[in-house]
């Protein structure tokens, strides 16, 4: 009969997020269709506020031409 393999693309994992964070503010979706739209990112900033968020870990395309680009990059690091 041969060997039968069972493949599963998803396996249980530990997700490491800041203690007590609001998951709706932690997770930020950055799709190509929004990455160059300033209005989208302004709205995301309003929703996230000062909460811990992956927004602080990404550099959307819309900010690549801003004068404070290096400052944004430094904050990400």
PDB file of N, CA and C in Angstrom:
ATOM      1  N   UNK A   1       0.792  -1.194   0.000  1.00  0.00           N
ATOM      2  CA  UNK A   1       0.000   0.000   0.000  1.00  0.00           C
ATOM      3  C   UNK A   1       0.840   1.266   0.000  1.00  0.00           C
ATOM      4  N   UNK A   2       1.946   1.348   0.557  1.00  0.00           N
ATOM      5  CA  UNK A   2       2.750   2.567   0.543  1.00  0.00           C
ATOM      6  C   UNK A   2       2.481   3.444   1.758  1.00  0.00           C
ATOM      7  N   UNK A   3       3.266   4.478   1.863  1.00  0.00           N
ATOM      8  CA  UNK A   3       3.144   5.403   2.988  1.00  0.00           C
ATOM      9  C   UNK A   3       2.116   6.475   2.662  1.00  0.00           C
ATOM     10  N   UNK A   4       1.274   6.733   3.614  1.00  0.00           N
ATOM     11  CA  UNK A   4       0.245   7.765   3.429  1.00  0.00           C
ATOM     12  C   UNK A   4       0.636   8.984   4.271  1.00  0.00           C
ATOM     13  N   UNK A   5       0.754  10.137   3.623  1.00  0.00           N
ATOM     14  CA  UNK A   5       1.125  11.364   4.313  1.00  0.00           C
ATOM     15  C   UNK A   5      -0.115  12.207   4.563  1.00  0.00           C
ATOM     16  N   UNK A   6      -0.133  12.814   5.704  1.00  0.00           N
ATOM     17  CA  UNK A   6      -1.218  13.741   6.010  1.00  0.00           C
ATOM     18  C   UNK A   6      -0.605  15.129   6.151  1.00  0.00           C
ATOM     19  N   UNK A   7      -0.976  16.035   5.261  1.00  0.00           N
ATOM     20  CA  UNK A   7      -0.439  17.386   5.270  1.00  0.00           C
ATOM     21  C   UNK A   7      -1.448  18.338   5.897  1.00  0.00           C
ATOM     22  N   UNK A   8      -0.958  19.213   6.707  1.00  0.00           N
ATOM     23  CA  UNK A   8      -1.803  20.224   7.320  1.00  0.00           C
ATOM     24  C   UNK A   8      -1.046  21.547   7.251  1.00  0.00           C
ATOM     25  N   UNK A   9      -1.623  22.513   6.579  1.00  0.00           N
ATOM     26  CA  UNK A   9      -0.957  23.807   6.418  1.00  0.00           C
ATOM     27  C   UNK A   9      -0.976  24.622   7.703  1.00  0.00           C
ATOM     28  N   UNK A  10      -1.874  24.308   8.606  1.00  0.00           N
ATOM     29  CA  UNK A  10      -2.001  25.069   9.843  1.00  0.00           C
ATOM     30  C   UNK A  10      -1.709  24.185  11.043  1.00  0.00           C
ATOM     31  N   UNK A  11      -0.894  24.693  11.922  1.00  0.00           N
ATOM     32  CA  UNK A  11      -0.574  23.972  13.146  1.00  0.00           C
ATOM     33  C   UNK A  11      -0.722  24.932  14.324  1.00  0.00           C
ATOM     34  N   UNK A  12      -1.015  24.417  15.503  1.00  0.00           N
ATOM     35  CA  UNK A  12      -1.123  25.295  16.669  1.00  0.00           C
ATOM     36  C   UNK A  12       0.190  26.030  16.912  1.00  0.00           C
ATOM     37  N   UNK A  13       0.075  27.267  17.371  1.00  0.00           N
ATOM     38  CA  UNK A  13       1.274  28.067  17.636  1.00  0.00           C
ATOM     39  C   UNK A  13       1.012  29.029  18.783  1.00  0.00           C
ATOM     40  N   UNK A  14       2.073  29.459  19.402  1.00  0.00           N
ATOM     41  CA  UNK A  14       1.975  30.506  20.404  1.00  0.00           C
ATOM     42  C   UNK A  14       2.106  31.847  19.694  1.00  0.00           C
ATOM     43  N   UNK A  15       1.160  32.728  19.918  1.00  0.00           N
ATOM     44  CA  UNK A  15       1.225  34.060  19.342  1.00  0.00           C
ATOM     45  C   UNK A  15       1.714  35.016  20.421  1.00  0.00           C
ATOM     46  N   UNK A  16       2.772  35.719  20.133  1.00  0.00           N
ATOM     47  CA  UNK A  16       3.341  36.635  21.102  1.00  0.00           C
ATOM     48  C   UNK A  16       2.894  38.061  20.782  1.00  0.00           C
ATOM     49  N   UNK A  17       2.047  38.597  21.628  1.00  0.00           N
ATOM     50  CA  UNK A  17       1.571  39.968  21.483  1.00  0.00           C
ATOM     51  C   UNK A  17       1.741  40.654  22.836  1.00  0.00           C
ATOM     52  N   UNK A  18       1.808  41.965  22.840  1.00  0.00           N
ATOM     53  CA  UNK A  18       1.952  42.661  24.122  1.00  0.00           C
ATOM     54  C   UNK A  18       0.807  42.308  25.076  1.00  0.00           C
ATOM     55  N   UNK A  19       1.139  42.135  26.336  1.00  0.00           N
ATOM     56  CA  UNK A  19       0.152  41.787  27.356  1.00  0.00           C
ATOM     57  C   UNK A  19      -0.946  42.857  27.417  1.00  0.00           C
ATOM     58  N   UNK A  20      -2.175  42.405  27.369  1.00  0.00           N
ATOM     59  CA  UNK A  20      -3.317  43.307  27.505  1.00  0.00           C
ATOM     60  C   UNK A  20      -3.632  44.149  26.283  1.00  0.00           C
ATOM     61  N   UNK A  21      -3.010  43.864  25.149  1.00  0.00           N
ATOM     62  CA  UNK A  21      -3.281  44.699  23.974  1.00  0.00           C
ATOM     63  C   UNK A  21      -4.656  44.378  23.392  1.00  0.00           C
ATOM     64  N   UNK A  22      -5.233  45.354  22.742  1.00  0.00           N
ATOM     65  CA  UNK A  22      -6.509  45.188  22.046  1.00  0.00           C
ATOM     66  C   UNK A  22      -6.189  44.670  20.651  1.00  0.00           C
ATOM     67  N   UNK A  23      -6.604  43.447  20.350  1.00  0.00           N
ATOM     68  CA  UNK A  23      -6.210  42.820  19.083  1.00  0.00           C
ATOM     69  C   UNK A  23      -6.687  43.588  17.859  1.00  0.00           C
ATOM     70  N   UNK A  24      -7.825  44.277  17.958  1.00  0.00           N
ATOM     71  CA  UNK A  24      -8.320  45.058  16.825  1.00  0.00           C
ATOM     72  C   UNK A  24      -7.378  46.225  16.514  1.00  0.00           C
ATOM     73  N   UNK A  25      -6.644  46.690  17.512  1.00  0.00           N
ATOM     74  CA  UNK A  25      -5.690  47.774  17.278  1.00  0.00           C
ATOM     75  C   UNK A  25      -4.295  47.237  16.994  1.00  0.00           C
ATOM     76  N   UNK A  26      -3.998  46.057  17.496  1.00  0.00           N
ATOM     77  CA  UNK A  26      -2.682  45.457  17.284  1.00  0.00           C
ATOM     78  C   UNK A  26      -2.482  45.087  15.821  1.00  0.00           C
ATOM     79  N   UNK A  27      -3.480  44.443  15.239  1.00  0.00           N
ATOM     80  CA  UNK A  27      -3.334  43.975  13.860  1.00  0.00           C
ATOM     81  C   UNK A  27      -3.711  45.082  12.885  1.00  0.00           C
ATOM     82  N   UNK A  28      -2.830  45.316  11.911  1.00  0.00           N
ATOM     83  CA  UNK A  28      -3.068  46.328  10.885  1.00  0.00           C
ATOM     84  C   UNK A  28      -2.912  45.654   9.534  1.00  0.00           C
ATOM     85  N   UNK A  29      -3.872  45.874   8.673  1.00  0.00           N
ATOM     86  CA  UNK A  29      -3.828  45.285   7.340  1.00  0.00           C
ATOM     87  C   UNK A  29      -3.237  46.296   6.378  1.00  0.00           C
ATOM     88  N   UNK A  30      -2.189  45.894   5.698  1.00  0.00           N
ATOM     89  CA  UNK A  30      -1.537  46.758   4.718  1.00  0.00           C
ATOM     90  C   UNK A  30      -1.603  46.079   3.356  1.00  0.00           C
ATOM     91  N   UNK A  31      -2.641  46.364   2.612  1.00  0.00           N
ATOM     92  CA  UNK A  31      -2.818  45.784   1.278  1.00  0.00           C
ATOM     93  C   UNK A  31      -2.255  46.740   0.227  1.00  0.00           C
ATOM     94  N   UNK A  32      -1.853  46.207  -0.894  1.00  0.00           N
ATOM     95  CA  UNK A  32      -1.362  47.053  -1.981  1.00  0.00           C
ATOM     96  C   UNK A  32      -2.382  48.113  -2.372  1.00  0.00           C
ATOM     97  N   UNK A  33      -3.653  47.793  -2.301  1.00  0.00           N
ATOM     98  CA  UNK A  33      -4.661  48.759  -2.732  1.00  0.00           C
ATOM     99  C   UNK A  33      -4.762  49.956  -1.792  1.00  0.00           C
ATOM    100  N   UNK A  34      -4.258  49.846  -0.580  1.00  0.00           N
ATOM    101  CA  UNK A  34      -4.328  50.955   0.373  1.00  0.00           C
ATOM    102  C   UNK A  34      -2.979  51.608   0.659  1.00  0.00           C
ATOM    103  N   UNK A  35      -1.908  50.950   0.347  1.00  0.00           N
ATOM    104  CA  UNK A  35      -0.604  51.392   0.826  1.00  0.00           C
ATOM    105  C   UNK A  35      -0.218  52.785   0.370  1.00  0.00           C
ATOM    106  N   UNK A  36      -0.783  53.277  -0.723  1.00  0.00           N
ATOM    107  CA  UNK A  36      -0.447  54.622  -1.197  1.00  0.00           C
ATOM    108  C   UNK A  36      -1.574  55.627  -0.962  1.00  0.00           C
ATOM    109  N   UNK A  37      -2.563  55.280  -0.157  1.00  0.00           N
ATOM    110  CA  UNK A  37      -3.694  56.178   0.098  1.00  0.00           C
ATOM    111  C   UNK A  37      -3.572  56.818   1.484  1.00  0.00           C
ATOM    112  N   UNK A  38      -3.221  58.102   1.542  1.00  0.00           N
ATOM    113  CA  UNK A  38      -3.046  58.766   2.843  1.00  0.00           C
ATOM    114  C   UNK A  38      -4.301  58.726   3.713  1.00  0.00           C
ATOM    115  N   UNK A  39      -5.463  58.787   3.124  1.00  0.00           N
ATOM    116  CA  UNK A  39      -6.714  58.776   3.889  1.00  0.00           C
ATOM    117  C   UNK A  39      -6.856  57.479   4.688  1.00  0.00           C
ATOM    118  N   UNK A  40      -6.470  56.375   4.089  1.00  0.00           N
ATOM    119  CA  UNK A  40      -6.549  55.089   4.764  1.00  0.00           C
ATOM    120  C   UNK A  40      -5.660  55.088   6.001  1.00  0.00           C
ATOM    121  N   UNK A  41      -4.409  55.546   5.848  1.00  0.00           N
ATOM    122  CA  UNK A  41      -3.458  55.526   6.950  1.00  0.00           C
ATOM    123  C   UNK A  41      -3.816  56.533   8.033  1.00  0.00           C
ATOM    124  N   UNK A  42      -4.424  57.667   7.643  1.00  0.00           N
ATOM    125  CA  UNK A  42      -4.917  58.626   8.645  1.00  0.00           C
ATOM    126  C   UNK A  42      -5.992  57.977   9.504  1.00  0.00           C
ATOM    127  N   UNK A  43      -6.890  57.232   8.861  1.00  0.00           N
ATOM    128  CA  UNK A  43      -7.961  56.543   9.594  1.00  0.00           C
ATOM    129  C   UNK A  43      -7.379  55.460  10.510  1.00  0.00           C
ATOM    130  N   UNK A  44      -6.397  54.720  10.031  1.00  0.00           N
ATOM    131  CA  UNK A  44      -5.760  53.686  10.848  1.00  0.00           C
ATOM    132  C   UNK A  44      -5.116  54.333  12.080  1.00  0.00           C
ATOM    133  N   UNK A  45      -4.427  55.456  11.891  1.00  0.00           N
ATOM    134  CA  UNK A  45      -3.814  56.179  13.016  1.00  0.00           C
ATOM    135  C   UNK A  45      -4.866  56.568  14.056  1.00  0.00           C
ATOM    136  N   UNK A  46      -6.021  57.041  13.601  1.00  0.00           N
ATOM    137  CA  UNK A  46      -7.086  57.439  14.524  1.00  0.00           C
ATOM    138  C   UNK A  46      -7.611  56.247  15.314  1.00  0.00           C
ATOM    139  N   UNK A  47      -7.781  55.115  14.654  1.00  0.00           N
ATOM    140  CA  UNK A  47      -8.288  53.913  15.318  1.00  0.00           C
ATOM    141  C   UNK A  47      -7.264  53.400  16.333  1.00  0.00           C
ATOM    142  N   UNK A  48      -6.009  53.339  15.951  1.00  0.00           N
ATOM    143  CA  UNK A  48      -4.964  52.785  16.806  1.00  0.00           C
ATOM    144  C   UNK A  48      -4.640  53.714  17.979  1.00  0.00           C
ATOM    145  N   UNK A  49      -4.570  55.005  17.716  1.00  0.00           N
ATOM    146  CA  UNK A  49      -4.210  55.948  18.775  1.00  0.00           C
ATOM    147  C   UNK A  49      -2.841  55.634  19.350  1.00  0.00           C
ATOM    148  N   UNK A  50      -2.729  55.586  20.669  1.00  0.00           N
ATOM    149  CA  UNK A  50      -1.460  55.297  21.340  1.00  0.00           C
ATOM    150  C   UNK A  50      -1.295  53.828  21.712  1.00  0.00           C
ATOM    151  N   UNK A  51      -2.231  52.998  21.298  1.00  0.00           N
ATOM    152  CA  UNK A  51      -2.199  51.575  21.656  1.00  0.00           C
ATOM    153  C   UNK A  51      -1.035  50.864  20.954  1.00  0.00           C
ATOM    154  N   UNK A  52      -0.516  49.794  21.561  1.00  0.00           N
ATOM    155  CA  UNK A  52       0.482  48.974  20.855  1.00  0.00           C
ATOM    156  C   UNK A  52      -0.128  48.446  19.560  1.00  0.00           C
ATOM    157  N   UNK A  53       0.629  48.515  18.472  1.00  0.00           N
ATOM    158  CA  UNK A  53       0.089  48.115  17.176  1.00  0.00           C
ATOM    159  C   UNK A  53       1.208  47.771  16.204  1.00  0.00           C
ATOM    160  N   UNK A  54       0.908  46.855  15.294  1.00  0.00           N
ATOM    161  CA  UNK A  54       1.856  46.549  14.224  1.00  0.00           C
ATOM    162  C   UNK A  54       1.999  47.727  13.275  1.00  0.00           C
ATOM    163  N   UNK A  55       1.126  48.715  13.398  1.00  0.00           N
ATOM    164  CA  UNK A  55       1.275  49.938  12.610  1.00  0.00           C
ATOM    165  C   UNK A  55       2.643  50.562  12.860  1.00  0.00           C
ATOM    166  N   UNK A  56       3.171  50.374  14.046  1.00  0.00           N
ATOM    167  CA  UNK A  56       4.470  50.953  14.403  1.00  0.00           C
ATOM    168  C   UNK A  56       5.636  50.115  13.873  1.00  0.00           C
ATOM    169  N   UNK A  57       5.321  49.003  13.221  1.00  0.00           N
ATOM    170  CA  UNK A  57       6.362  48.094  12.718  1.00  0.00           C
ATOM    171  C   UNK A  57       6.488  48.112  11.199  1.00  0.00           C
ATOM    172  N   UNK A  58       5.666  48.907  10.531  1.00  0.00           N
ATOM    173  CA  UNK A  58       5.674  48.926   9.066  1.00  0.00           C
ATOM    174  C   UNK A  58       5.893  50.342   8.553  1.00  0.00           C
ATOM    175  N   UNK A  59       6.292  50.452   7.308  1.00  0.00           N
ATOM    176  CA  UNK A  59       6.451  51.742   6.645  1.00  0.00           C
ATOM    177  C   UNK A  59       5.638  51.708   5.356  1.00  0.00           C
ATOM    178  N   UNK A  60       4.406  52.198   5.423  1.00  0.00           N
ATOM    179  CA  UNK A  60       3.576  52.202   4.215  1.00  0.00           C
ATOM    180  C   UNK A  60       4.192  53.069   3.109  1.00  0.00           C
ATOM    181  N   UNK A  61       3.957  52.670   1.909  1.00  0.00           N
ATOM    182  CA  UNK A  61       4.483  53.357   0.726  1.00  0.00           C
ATOM    183  C   UNK A  61       4.148  54.847   0.724  1.00  0.00           C
ATOM    184  N   UNK A  62       3.001  55.193   1.252  1.00  0.00           N
ATOM    185  CA  UNK A  62       2.543  56.577   1.223  1.00  0.00           C
ATOM    186  C   UNK A  62       3.526  57.530   1.910  1.00  0.00           C
ATOM    187  N   UNK A  63       4.351  57.029   2.831  1.00  0.00           N
ATOM    188  CA  UNK A  63       5.284  57.877   3.573  1.00  0.00           C
ATOM    189  C   UNK A  63       6.686  57.933   2.973  1.00  0.00           C
ATOM    190  N   UNK A  64       6.927  57.256   1.874  1.00  0.00           N
ATOM    191  CA  UNK A  64       8.281  57.177   1.320  1.00  0.00           C
ATOM    192  C   UNK A  64       8.819  58.510   0.827  1.00  0.00           C
ATOM    193  N   UNK A  65       7.975  59.453   0.485  1.00  0.00           N
ATOM    194  CA  UNK A  65       8.420  60.745  -0.031  1.00  0.00           C
ATOM    195  C   UNK A  65       8.406  61.845   1.024  1.00  0.00           C
ATOM    196  N   UNK A  66       8.080  61.500   2.271  1.00  0.00           N
ATOM    197  CA  UNK A  66       8.013  62.516   3.317  1.00  0.00           C
ATOM    198  C   UNK A  66       9.407  62.920   3.783  1.00  0.00           C
ATOM    199  N   UNK A  67       9.498  64.151   4.299  1.00  0.00           N
ATOM    200  CA  UNK A  67      10.781  64.680   4.776  1.00  0.00           C
ATOM    201  C   UNK A  67      11.278  63.933   6.013  1.00  0.00           C
ATOM    202  N   UNK A  68      10.361  63.410   6.825  1.00  0.00           N
ATOM    203  CA  UNK A  68      10.758  62.727   8.066  1.00  0.00           C
ATOM    204  C   UNK A  68      10.881  61.210   7.883  1.00  0.00           C
ATOM    205  N   UNK A  69      11.238  60.785   6.686  1.00  0.00           N
ATOM    206  CA  UNK A  69      11.345  59.351   6.392  1.00  0.00           C
ATOM    207  C   UNK A  69      12.321  58.654   7.335  1.00  0.00           C
ATOM    208  N   UNK A  70      13.503  59.215   7.525  1.00  0.00           N
ATOM    209  CA  UNK A  70      14.492  58.565   8.384  1.00  0.00           C
ATOM    210  C   UNK A  70      13.988  58.469   9.820  1.00  0.00           C
ATOM    211  N   UNK A  71      13.275  59.465  10.277  1.00  0.00           N
ATOM    212  CA  UNK A  71      12.701  59.441  11.628  1.00  0.00           C
ATOM    213  C   UNK A  71      11.707  58.285  11.763  1.00  0.00           C
ATOM    214  N   UNK A  72      10.871  58.091  10.750  1.00  0.00           N
ATOM    215  CA  UNK A  72       9.916  56.970  10.763  1.00  0.00           C
ATOM    216  C   UNK A  72      10.656  55.634  10.802  1.00  0.00           C
ATOM    217  N   UNK A  73      11.700  55.523   9.989  1.00  0.00           N
ATOM    218  CA  UNK A  73      12.482  54.282   9.950  1.00  0.00           C
ATOM    219  C   UNK A  73      13.130  54.021  11.316  1.00  0.00           C
ATOM    220  N   UNK A  74      13.673  55.058  11.923  1.00  0.00           N
ATOM    221  CA  UNK A  74      14.317  54.919  13.231  1.00  0.00           C
ATOM    222  C   UNK A  74      13.308  54.449  14.284  1.00  0.00           C
ATOM    223  N   UNK A  75      12.096  54.959  14.232  1.00  0.00           N
ATOM    224  CA  UNK A  75      11.056  54.543  15.192  1.00  0.00           C
ATOM    225  C   UNK A  75      10.681  53.067  14.993  1.00  0.00           C
ATOM    226  N   UNK A  76      10.691  52.615  13.761  1.00  0.00           N
ATOM    227  CA  UNK A  76      10.381  51.212  13.469  1.00  0.00           C
ATOM    228  C   UNK A  76      11.456  50.313  14.074  1.00  0.00           C
ATOM    229  N   UNK A  77      12.697  50.727  13.949  1.00  0.00           N
ATOM    230  CA  UNK A  77      13.806  49.922  14.471  1.00  0.00           C
ATOM    231  C   UNK A  77      13.772  49.920  15.969  1.00  0.00           C
TER     232      UNK A  77
END
